[in-house]
PDB file of N, CA and C in Angstrom:
ATOM      1  N   MET A   1     -17.651  12.067   0.272  1.00  0.00           N
ATOM      2  CA  MET A   1     -17.575  13.173   1.188  1.00  0.00           C
ATOM      3  C   MET A   1     -18.664  13.109   2.259  1.00  0.00           C
ATOM      4  N   THR A   2     -19.726  12.365   2.033  1.00  0.00           N
ATOM      5  CA  THR A   2     -20.776  12.299   3.039  1.00  0.00           C
ATOM      6  C   THR A   2     -20.256  11.681   4.330  1.00  0.00           C
ATOM      7  N   LYS A   3     -19.328  10.742   4.232  1.00  0.00           N
ATOM      8  CA  LYS A   3     -18.753  10.162   5.442  1.00  0.00           C
ATOM      9  C   LYS A   3     -18.071  11.236   6.271  1.00  0.00           C
ATOM     10  N   VAL A   4     -17.363  12.130   5.611  1.00  0.00           N
ATOM     11  CA  VAL A   4     -16.669  13.202   6.316  1.00  0.00           C
ATOM     12  C   VAL A   4     -17.674  14.106   7.002  1.00  0.00           C
ATOM     13  N   LYS A   5     -18.764  14.460   6.332  1.00  0.00           N
ATOM     14  CA  LYS A   5     -19.789  15.321   6.916  1.00  0.00           C
ATOM     15  C   LYS A   5     -20.435  14.642   8.113  1.00  0.00           C
ATOM     16  N   ILE A   6     -20.719  13.365   8.002  1.00  0.00           N
ATOM     17  CA  ILE A   6     -21.318  12.628   9.111  1.00  0.00           C
ATOM     18  C   ILE A   6     -20.380  12.615  10.309  1.00  0.00           C
ATOM     19  N   ILE A   7     -19.118  12.368  10.087  1.00  0.00           N
ATOM     20  CA  ILE A   7     -18.137  12.375  11.167  1.00  0.00           C
ATOM     21  C   ILE A   7     -18.116  13.741  11.835  1.00  0.00           C
ATOM     22  N   HIS A   8     -18.158  14.806  11.040  1.00  0.00           N
ATOM     23  CA  HIS A   8     -18.115  16.152  11.591  1.00  0.00           C
ATOM     24  C   HIS A   8     -19.341  16.431  12.455  1.00  0.00           C
ATOM     25  N   ILE A   9     -20.481  15.995  12.037  1.00  0.00           N
ATOM     26  CA  ILE A   9     -21.709  16.222  12.800  1.00  0.00           C
ATOM     27  C   ILE A   9     -21.673  15.459  14.118  1.00  0.00           C
ATOM     28  N   LEU A  10     -21.108  14.258  14.103  1.00  0.00           N
ATOM     29  CA  LEU A  10     -21.108  13.419  15.293  1.00  0.00           C
ATOM     30  C   LEU A  10     -20.077  13.829  16.338  1.00  0.00           C
ATOM     31  N   THR A  11     -19.110  14.646  15.983  1.00  0.00           N
ATOM     32  CA  THR A  11     -18.073  15.031  16.934  1.00  0.00           C
ATOM     33  C   THR A  11     -18.209  16.494  17.316  1.00  0.00           C
ATOM     34  N   ALA A  12     -17.973  16.780  18.562  1.00  0.00           N
ATOM     35  CA  ALA A  12     -18.083  18.148  19.049  1.00  0.00           C
ATOM     36  C   ALA A  12     -16.738  18.866  19.021  1.00  0.00           C
ATOM     37  N   SER A  13     -15.689  18.171  19.324  1.00  0.00           N
ATOM     38  CA  SER A  13     -14.364  18.780  19.424  1.00  0.00           C
ATOM     39  C   SER A  13     -13.677  18.832  18.067  1.00  0.00           C
ATOM     40  N   SER A  14     -13.051  19.971  17.763  1.00  0.00           N
ATOM     41  CA  SER A  14     -12.344  20.085  16.480  1.00  0.00           C
ATOM     42  C   SER A  14     -11.129  19.170  16.423  1.00  0.00           C
ATOM     43  N   GLN A  15     -10.519  18.891  17.584  1.00  0.00           N
ATOM     44  CA  GLN A  15      -9.374  17.978  17.592  1.00  0.00           C
ATOM     45  C   GLN A  15      -9.813  16.562  17.244  1.00  0.00           C
ATOM     46  N   ILE A  16     -10.926  16.149  17.767  1.00  0.00           N
ATOM     47  CA  ILE A  16     -11.448  14.819  17.450  1.00  0.00           C
ATOM     48  C   ILE A  16     -11.818  14.756  15.969  1.00  0.00           C
ATOM     49  N   THR A  17     -12.445  15.807  15.479  1.00  0.00           N
ATOM     50  CA  THR A  17     -12.798  15.858  14.064  1.00  0.00           C
ATOM     51  C   THR A  17     -11.559  15.738  13.203  1.00  0.00           C
ATOM     52  N   TYR A  18     -10.511  16.474  13.565  1.00  0.00           N
ATOM     53  CA  TYR A  18      -9.259  16.425  12.806  1.00  0.00           C
ATOM     54  C   TYR A  18      -8.691  15.017  12.812  1.00  0.00           C
ATOM     55  N   CYS A  19      -8.666  14.370  13.964  1.00  0.00           N
ATOM     56  CA  CYS A  19      -8.130  13.007  14.058  1.00  0.00           C
ATOM     57  C   CYS A  19      -8.944  12.031  13.210  1.00  0.00           C
ATOM     58  N   LEU A  20     -10.265  12.169  13.258  1.00  0.00           N
ATOM     59  CA  LEU A  20     -11.113  11.288  12.467  1.00  0.00           C
ATOM     60  C   LEU A  20     -10.946  11.539  10.971  1.00  0.00           C
ATOM     61  N   LEU A  21     -10.798  12.800  10.592  1.00  0.00           N
ATOM     62  CA  LEU A  21     -10.580  13.120   9.182  1.00  0.00           C
ATOM     63  C   LEU A  21      -9.239  12.589   8.714  1.00  0.00           C
ATOM     64  N   LEU A  22      -8.223  12.699   9.563  1.00  0.00           N
ATOM     65  CA  LEU A  22      -6.903  12.172   9.228  1.00  0.00           C
ATOM     66  C   LEU A  22      -6.973  10.655   9.058  1.00  0.00           C
ATOM     67  N   TYR A  23      -7.681   9.986   9.956  1.00  0.00           N
ATOM     68  CA  TYR A  23      -7.860   8.543   9.845  1.00  0.00           C
ATOM     69  C   TYR A  23      -8.581   8.200   8.549  1.00  0.00           C
ATOM     70  N   TYR A  24      -9.656   8.938   8.252  1.00  0.00           N
ATOM     71  CA  TYR A  24     -10.424   8.709   7.037  1.00  0.00           C
ATOM     72  C   TYR A  24      -9.528   8.865   5.810  1.00  0.00           C
ATOM     73  N   TYR A  25      -8.701   9.919   5.804  1.00  0.00           N
ATOM     74  CA  TYR A  25      -7.788  10.153   4.679  1.00  0.00           C
ATOM     75  C   TYR A  25      -6.815   8.992   4.546  1.00  0.00           C
ATOM     76  N   ASN A  26      -6.176   8.619   5.646  1.00  0.00           N
ATOM     77  CA  ASN A  26      -5.202   7.522   5.593  1.00  0.00           C
ATOM     78  C   ASN A  26      -5.849   6.230   5.147  1.00  0.00           C
ATOM     79  N   TYR A  27      -7.054   5.968   5.626  1.00  0.00           N
ATOM     80  CA  TYR A  27      -7.724   4.723   5.280  1.00  0.00           C
ATOM     81  C   TYR A  27      -8.147   4.689   3.821  1.00  0.00           C
ATOM     82  N   THR A  28      -8.721   5.765   3.310  1.00  0.00           N
ATOM     83  CA  THR A  28      -9.245   5.746   1.949  1.00  0.00           C
ATOM     84  C   THR A  28      -8.200   6.087   0.904  1.00  0.00           C
ATOM     85  N   ILE A  29      -7.453   7.162   1.099  1.00  0.00           N
ATOM     86  CA  ILE A  29      -6.495   7.604   0.083  1.00  0.00           C
ATOM     87  C   ILE A  29      -5.255   6.722   0.090  1.00  0.00           C
ATOM     88  N   MET A  30      -4.638   6.533   1.238  1.00  0.00           N
ATOM     89  CA  MET A  30      -3.402   5.769   1.295  1.00  0.00           C
ATOM     90  C   MET A  30      -3.635   4.289   0.999  1.00  0.00           C
ATOM     91  N   SER A  31      -4.780   3.747   1.405  1.00  0.00           N
ATOM     92  CA  SER A  31      -5.017   2.341   1.097  1.00  0.00           C
ATOM     93  C   SER A  31      -5.198   2.131  -0.398  1.00  0.00           C
ATOM     94  N   LYS A  32      -5.747   3.137  -1.093  1.00  0.00           N
ATOM     95  CA  LYS A  32      -5.855   3.024  -2.546  1.00  0.00           C
ATOM     96  C   LYS A  32      -4.471   3.027  -3.180  1.00  0.00           C
ATOM     97  N   GLN A  33      -3.555   3.868  -2.675  1.00  0.00           N
ATOM     98  CA  GLN A  33      -2.180   3.901  -3.183  1.00  0.00           C
ATOM     99  C   GLN A  33      -1.499   2.563  -2.911  1.00  0.00           C
ATOM    100  N   GLY A  34      -1.721   2.050  -1.692  1.00  0.00           N
ATOM    101  CA  GLY A  34      -1.138   0.764  -1.335  1.00  0.00           C
ATOM    102  C   GLY A  34      -1.633  -0.359  -2.213  1.00  0.00           C
ATOM    103  N   SER A  35      -2.920  -0.361  -2.525  1.00  0.00           N
ATOM    104  CA  SER A  35      -3.442  -1.415  -3.383  1.00  0.00           C
ATOM    105  C   SER A  35      -2.900  -1.286  -4.799  1.00  0.00           C
ATOM    106  N   LYS A  36      -2.611  -0.043  -5.236  1.00  0.00           N
ATOM    107  CA  LYS A  36      -1.960   0.147  -6.536  1.00  0.00           C
ATOM    108  C   LYS A  36      -0.585  -0.497  -6.529  1.00  0.00           C
ATOM    109  N   ILE A  37       0.162  -0.254  -5.467  1.00  0.00           N
ATOM    110  CA  ILE A  37       1.498  -0.835  -5.360  1.00  0.00           C
ATOM    111  C   ILE A  37       1.383  -2.350  -5.390  1.00  0.00           C
ATOM    112  N   GLY A  38       0.459  -2.883  -4.615  1.00  0.00           N
ATOM    113  CA  GLY A  38       0.281  -4.340  -4.561  1.00  0.00           C
ATOM    114  C   GLY A  38      -0.087  -4.938  -5.900  1.00  0.00           C
ATOM    115  N   SER A  39      -1.002  -4.299  -6.614  1.00  0.00           N
ATOM    116  CA  SER A  39      -1.392  -4.840  -7.922  1.00  0.00           C
ATOM    117  C   SER A  39      -0.261  -4.703  -8.931  1.00  0.00           C
ATOM    118  N   ASN A  40       0.530  -3.644  -8.815  1.00  0.00           N
ATOM    119  CA  ASN A  40       1.680  -3.484  -9.716  1.00  0.00           C
ATOM    120  C   ASN A  40       2.785  -4.490  -9.403  1.00  0.00           C
ATOM    121  N   VAL A  41       3.011  -4.751  -8.126  1.00  0.00           N
ATOM    122  CA  VAL A  41       3.999  -5.780  -7.754  1.00  0.00           C
ATOM    123  C   VAL A  41       3.579  -7.115  -8.361  1.00  0.00           C
ATOM    124  N   LYS A  42       2.314  -7.450  -8.207  1.00  0.00           N
ATOM    125  CA  LYS A  42       1.811  -8.717  -8.748  1.00  0.00           C
ATOM    126  C   LYS A  42       1.943  -8.757 -10.269  1.00  0.00           C
ATOM    127  N   LYS A  43       1.602  -7.634 -10.929  1.00  0.00           N
ATOM    128  CA  LYS A  43       1.687  -7.573 -12.394  1.00  0.00           C
ATOM    129  C   LYS A  43       3.121  -7.821 -12.869  1.00  0.00           C
ATOM    130  N   TYR A  44       4.081  -7.108 -12.275  1.00  0.00           N
ATOM    131  CA  TYR A  44       5.474  -7.263 -12.707  1.00  0.00           C
ATOM    132  C   TYR A  44       6.047  -8.617 -12.294  1.00  0.00           C
ATOM    133  N   ARG A  45       5.611  -9.135 -11.153  1.00  0.00           N
ATOM    134  CA  ARG A  45       6.068 -10.462 -10.727  1.00  0.00           C
ATOM    135  C   ARG A  45       5.571 -11.518 -11.705  1.00  0.00           C
ATOM    136  N   ASN A  46       4.314 -11.410 -12.105  1.00  0.00           N
ATOM    137  CA  ASN A  46       3.762 -12.369 -13.073  1.00  0.00           C
ATOM    138  C   ASN A  46       4.449 -12.256 -14.433  1.00  0.00           C
ATOM    139  N   LYS A  47       4.802 -11.026 -14.830  1.00  0.00           N
ATOM    140  CA  LYS A  47       5.536 -10.850 -16.090  1.00  0.00           C
ATOM    141  C   LYS A  47       6.866 -11.585 -16.060  1.00  0.00           C
ATOM    142  N   LEU A  48       7.514 -11.583 -14.885  1.00  0.00           N
ATOM    143  CA  LEU A  48       8.786 -12.305 -14.742  1.00  0.00           C
ATOM    144  C   LEU A  48       8.591 -13.802 -14.580  1.00  0.00           C
ATOM    145  N   GLY A  49       7.359 -14.197 -14.268  1.00  0.00           N
ATOM    146  CA  GLY A  49       7.062 -15.618 -14.093  1.00  0.00           C
ATOM    147  C   GLY A  49       7.637 -16.205 -12.821  1.00  0.00           C
ATOM    148  N   ILE A  50       7.708 -15.396 -11.758  1.00  0.00           N
ATOM    149  CA  ILE A  50       8.248 -15.891 -10.493  1.00  0.00           C
ATOM    150  C   ILE A  50       7.159 -15.891  -9.426  1.00  0.00           C
ATOM    151  N   SER A  51       7.356 -16.705  -8.411  1.00  0.00           N
ATOM    152  CA  SER A  51       6.391 -16.822  -7.317  1.00  0.00           C
ATOM    153  C   SER A  51       6.615 -15.719  -6.287  1.00  0.00           C
ATOM    154  N   GLN A  52       5.663 -15.583  -5.382  1.00  0.00           N
ATOM    155  CA  GLN A  52       5.824 -14.636  -4.280  1.00  0.00           C
ATOM    156  C   GLN A  52       7.033 -15.026  -3.429  1.00  0.00           C
ATOM    157  N   ASP A  53       7.222 -16.308  -3.240  1.00  0.00           N
ATOM    158  CA  ASP A  53       8.356 -16.787  -2.450  1.00  0.00           C
ATOM    159  C   ASP A  53       9.676 -16.404  -3.113  1.00  0.00           C
ATOM    160  N   ALA A  54       9.765 -16.608  -4.424  1.00  0.00           N
ATOM    161  CA  ALA A  54      10.998 -16.257  -5.145  1.00  0.00           C
ATOM    162  C   ALA A  54      11.252 -14.752  -5.083  1.00  0.00           C
ATOM    163  N   LEU A  55      10.190 -13.956  -5.229  1.00  0.00           N
ATOM    164  CA  LEU A  55      10.332 -12.502  -5.145  1.00  0.00           C
ATOM    165  C   LEU A  55      10.783 -12.079  -3.755  1.00  0.00           C
ATOM    166  N   SER A  56      10.203 -12.688  -2.737  1.00  0.00           N
ATOM    167  CA  SER A  56      10.577 -12.321  -1.373  1.00  0.00           C
ATOM    168  C   SER A  56      12.057 -12.607  -1.117  1.00  0.00           C
ATOM    169  N   LYS A  57      12.536 -13.714  -1.630  1.00  0.00           N
ATOM    170  CA  LYS A  57      13.967 -14.047  -1.454  1.00  0.00           C
ATOM    171  C   LYS A  57      14.849 -13.097  -2.257  1.00  0.00           C
ATOM    172  N   LYS A  58      14.437 -12.797  -3.473  1.00  0.00           N
ATOM    173  CA  LYS A  58      15.194 -11.894  -4.334  1.00  0.00           C
ATOM    174  C   LYS A  58      15.250 -10.473  -3.747  1.00  0.00           C
ATOM    175  N   ALA A  59      14.175 -10.061  -3.084  1.00  0.00           N
ATOM    176  CA  ALA A  59      14.095  -8.718  -2.490  1.00  0.00           C
ATOM    177  C   ALA A  59      14.589  -8.692  -1.043  1.00  0.00           C
ATOM    178  N   ASN A  60      14.928  -9.853  -0.510  1.00  0.00           N
ATOM    179  CA  ASN A  60      15.378  -9.968   0.881  1.00  0.00           C
ATOM    180  C   ASN A  60      14.285  -9.476   1.845  1.00  0.00           C
ATOM    181  N   LEU A  61      13.066  -9.937   1.596  1.00  0.00           N
ATOM    182  CA  LEU A  61      11.923  -9.607   2.435  1.00  0.00           C
ATOM    183  C   LEU A  61      11.252 -10.895   2.888  1.00  0.00           C
ATOM    184  N   ALA A  62      10.487 -10.810   3.960  1.00  0.00           N
ATOM    185  CA  ALA A  62       9.730 -11.969   4.418  1.00  0.00           C
ATOM    186  C   ALA A  62       8.618 -12.268   3.410  1.00  0.00           C
ATOM    187  N   PHE A  63       8.323 -13.551   3.237  1.00  0.00           N
ATOM    188  CA  PHE A  63       7.277 -13.966   2.312  1.00  0.00           C
ATOM    189  C   PHE A  63       5.956 -13.274   2.622  1.00  0.00           C
ATOM    190  N   HIS A  64       5.589 -13.242   3.922  1.00  0.00           N
ATOM    191  CA  HIS A  64       4.289 -12.656   4.277  1.00  0.00           C
ATOM    192  C   HIS A  64       4.223 -11.162   3.948  1.00  0.00           C
ATOM    193  N   THR A  65       5.368 -10.482   3.902  1.00  0.00           N
ATOM    194  CA  THR A  65       5.387  -9.063   3.532  1.00  0.00           C
ATOM    195  C   THR A  65       4.939  -8.905   2.083  1.00  0.00           C
ATOM    196  N   VAL A  66       5.506  -9.701   1.202  1.00  0.00           N
ATOM    197  CA  VAL A  66       5.138  -9.649  -0.220  1.00  0.00           C
ATOM    198  C   VAL A  66       3.675 -10.049  -0.400  1.00  0.00           C
ATOM    199  N   ALA A  67       3.269 -11.108   0.264  1.00  0.00           N
ATOM    200  CA  ALA A  67       1.885 -11.585   0.141  1.00  0.00           C
ATOM    201  C   ALA A  67       0.892 -10.524   0.620  1.00  0.00           C
ATOM    202  N   LYS A  68       1.187  -9.879   1.741  1.00  0.00           N
ATOM    203  CA  LYS A  68       0.282  -8.856   2.282  1.00  0.00           C
ATOM    204  C   LYS A  68       0.225  -7.624   1.384  1.00  0.00           C
ATOM    205  N   ILE A  69       1.350  -7.230   0.821  1.00  0.00           N
ATOM    206  CA  ILE A  69       1.368  -6.067  -0.074  1.00  0.00           C
ATOM    207  C   ILE A  69       0.531  -6.356  -1.309  1.00  0.00           C
ATOM    208  N   GLU A  70       0.733  -7.525  -1.909  1.00  0.00           N
ATOM    209  CA  GLU A  70      -0.041  -7.881  -3.098  1.00  0.00           C
ATOM    210  C   GLU A  70      -1.534  -7.981  -2.801  1.00  0.00           C
ATOM    211  N   ALA A  71      -1.879  -8.460  -1.617  1.00  0.00           N
ATOM    212  CA  ALA A  71      -3.286  -8.626  -1.247  1.00  0.00           C
ATOM    213  C   ALA A  71      -3.935  -7.305  -0.829  1.00  0.00           C
ATOM    214  N   GLY A  72      -3.113  -6.283  -0.638  1.00  0.00           N
ATOM    215  CA  GLY A  72      -3.649  -4.995  -0.194  1.00  0.00           C
ATOM    216  C   GLY A  72      -3.827  -4.905   1.309  1.00  0.00           C
ATOM    217  N   SER A  73      -3.337  -5.903   2.036  1.00  0.00           N
ATOM    218  CA  SER A  73      -3.443  -5.906   3.501  1.00  0.00           C
ATOM    219  C   SER A  73      -2.445  -4.957   4.154  1.00  0.00           C
ATOM    220  N   THR A  74      -1.424  -4.592   3.414  1.00  0.00           N
ATOM    221  CA  THR A  74      -0.458  -3.599   3.887  1.00  0.00           C
ATOM    222  C   THR A  74      -0.622  -2.385   2.987  1.00  0.00           C
ATOM    223  N   PRO A  75      -1.522  -1.464   3.373  1.00  0.00           N
ATOM    224  CA  PRO A  75      -1.855  -0.356   2.486  1.00  0.00           C
ATOM    225  C   PRO A  75      -0.755   0.695   2.343  1.00  0.00           C
ATOM    226  N   ASN A  76       0.183   0.727   3.266  1.00  0.00           N
ATOM    227  CA  ASN A  76       1.184   1.773   3.238  1.00  0.00           C
ATOM    228  C   ASN A  76       2.572   1.193   3.529  1.00  0.00           C
ATOM    229  N   PRO A  77       3.133   0.390   2.608  1.00  0.00           N
ATOM    230  CA  PRO A  77       4.456  -0.193   2.859  1.00  0.00           C
ATOM    231  C   PRO A  77       5.527   0.899   2.904  1.00  0.00           C
ATOM    232  N   THR A  78       6.599   0.634   3.621  1.00  0.00           N
ATOM    233  CA  THR A  78       7.674   1.626   3.721  1.00  0.00           C
ATOM    234  C   THR A  78       8.349   1.798   2.367  1.00  0.00           C
ATOM    235  N   ILE A  79       8.966   2.943   2.188  1.00  0.00           N
ATOM    236  CA  ILE A  79       9.674   3.220   0.937  1.00  0.00           C
ATOM    237  C   ILE A  79      10.829   2.240   0.747  1.00  0.00           C
ATOM    238  N   ASP A  80      11.465   1.827   1.841  1.00  0.00           N
ATOM    239  CA  ASP A  80      12.554   0.834   1.746  1.00  0.00           C
ATOM    240  C   ASP A  80      12.042  -0.486   1.190  1.00  0.00           C
ATOM    241  N   THR A  81      10.877  -0.900   1.655  1.00  0.00           N
ATOM    242  CA  THR A  81      10.278  -2.146   1.173  1.00  0.00           C
ATOM    243  C   THR A  81       9.923  -2.043  -0.306  1.00  0.00           C
ATOM    244  N   VAL A  82       9.318  -0.933  -0.685  1.00  0.00           N
ATOM    245  CA  VAL A  82       8.934  -0.738  -2.091  1.00  0.00           C
ATOM    246  C   VAL A  82      10.173  -0.678  -2.978  1.00  0.00           C
ATOM    247  N   LYS A  83      11.240  -0.047  -2.484  1.00  0.00           N
ATOM    248  CA  LYS A  83      12.498   0.036  -3.245  1.00  0.00           C
ATOM    249  C   LYS A  83      13.094  -1.356  -3.442  1.00  0.00           C
ATOM    250  N   LYS A  84      13.082  -2.169  -2.396  1.00  0.00           N
ATOM    251  CA  LYS A  84      13.592  -3.546  -2.517  1.00  0.00           C
ATOM    252  C   LYS A  84      12.794  -4.336  -3.555  1.00  0.00           C
ATOM    253  N   LEU A  85      11.484  -4.161  -3.529  1.00  0.00           N
ATOM    254  CA  LEU A  85      10.637  -4.861  -4.500  1.00  0.00           C
ATOM    255  C   LEU A  85      10.913  -4.370  -5.921  1.00  0.00           C
ATOM    256  N   ALA A  86      11.025  -3.060  -6.071  1.00  0.00           N
ATOM    257  CA  ALA A  86      11.305  -2.493  -7.399  1.00  0.00           C
ATOM    258  C   ALA A  86      12.632  -3.024  -7.946  1.00  0.00           C
ATOM    259  N   ASP A  87      13.659  -3.025  -7.110  1.00  0.00           N
ATOM    260  CA  ASP A  87      14.975  -3.526  -7.538  1.00  0.00           C
ATOM    261  C   ASP A  87      14.900  -5.002  -7.922  1.00  0.00           C
ATOM    262  N   ALA A  88      14.202  -5.784  -7.106  1.00  0.00           N
ATOM    263  CA  ALA A  88      14.086  -7.220  -7.378  1.00  0.00           C
ATOM    264  C   ALA A  88      13.299  -7.495  -8.660  1.00  0.00           C
ATOM    265  N   LEU A  89      12.352  -6.617  -8.974  1.00  0.00           N
ATOM    266  CA  LEU A  89      11.533  -6.786 -10.180  1.00  0.00           C
ATOM    267  C   LEU A  89      12.163  -6.128 -11.409  1.00  0.00           C
ATOM    268  N   GLY A  90      13.216  -5.338 -11.186  1.00  0.00           N
ATOM    269  CA  GLY A  90      13.875  -4.659 -12.296  1.00  0.00           C
ATOM    270  C   GLY A  90      13.074  -3.498 -12.851  1.00  0.00           C
ATOM    271  N   VAL A  91      12.293  -2.840 -11.982  1.00  0.00           N
ATOM    272  CA  VAL A  91      11.485  -1.694 -12.390  1.00  0.00           C
ATOM    273  C   VAL A  91      11.799  -0.506 -11.473  1.00  0.00           C
ATOM    274  N   SER A  92      11.277   0.657 -11.817  1.00  0.00           N
ATOM    275  CA  SER A  92      11.504   1.844 -10.988  1.00  0.00           C
ATOM    276  C   SER A  92      10.431   1.940  -9.897  1.00  0.00           C
ATOM    277  N   LEU A  93      10.696   2.778  -8.907  1.00  0.00           N
ATOM    278  CA  LEU A  93       9.693   3.061  -7.888  1.00  0.00           C
ATOM    279  C   LEU A  93       8.437   3.626  -8.532  1.00  0.00           C
ATOM    280  N   ASP A  94       8.641   4.478  -9.502  1.00  0.00           N
ATOM    281  CA  ASP A  94       7.516   5.074 -10.247  1.00  0.00           C
ATOM    282  C   ASP A  94       6.600   4.003 -10.842  1.00  0.00           C
ATOM    283  N   ASP A  95       7.222   2.978 -11.421  1.00  0.00           N
ATOM    284  CA  ASP A  95       6.447   1.907 -12.042  1.00  0.00           C
ATOM    285  C   ASP A  95       5.526   1.217 -11.029  1.00  0.00           C
ATOM    286  N   LEU A  96       5.997   1.065  -9.804  1.00  0.00           N
ATOM    287  CA  LEU A  96       5.178   0.405  -8.792  1.00  0.00           C
ATOM    288  C   LEU A  96       4.104   1.308  -8.209  1.00  0.00           C
ATOM    289  N   MET A  97       4.309   2.622  -8.298  1.00  0.00           N
ATOM    290  CA  MET A  97       3.372   3.550  -7.673  1.00  0.00           C
ATOM    291  C   MET A  97       2.366   4.156  -8.638  1.00  0.00           C
ATOM    292  N   LYS A  98       2.485   3.860  -9.941  1.00  0.00           N
ATOM    293  CA  LYS A  98       1.544   4.400 -10.934  1.00  0.00           C
ATOM    294  C   LYS A  98       0.196   3.743 -10.810  1.00  0.00           C
TER     295      LYS A  98
END
């Protein structure tokens, strides 16, 4: 929370503060959710014993999409992408988001 307080002190306008807080939320909270999805995709992919390339083909996604999600470089993948991955892995959306 100290980051939020520092941002608030450094900005004069409430609109700027709101935008910075929204950015902070998206960066910290949503990226943590995204990294959960990525680690779960990797966990279930490894359980199936398939490569990222095989998963990408099975899910009808680009290889780099799967690689970036697993690496946490895509912190907020679309629900369509997550659904394709879940279907390809034979798990529920819930399983990937836990």
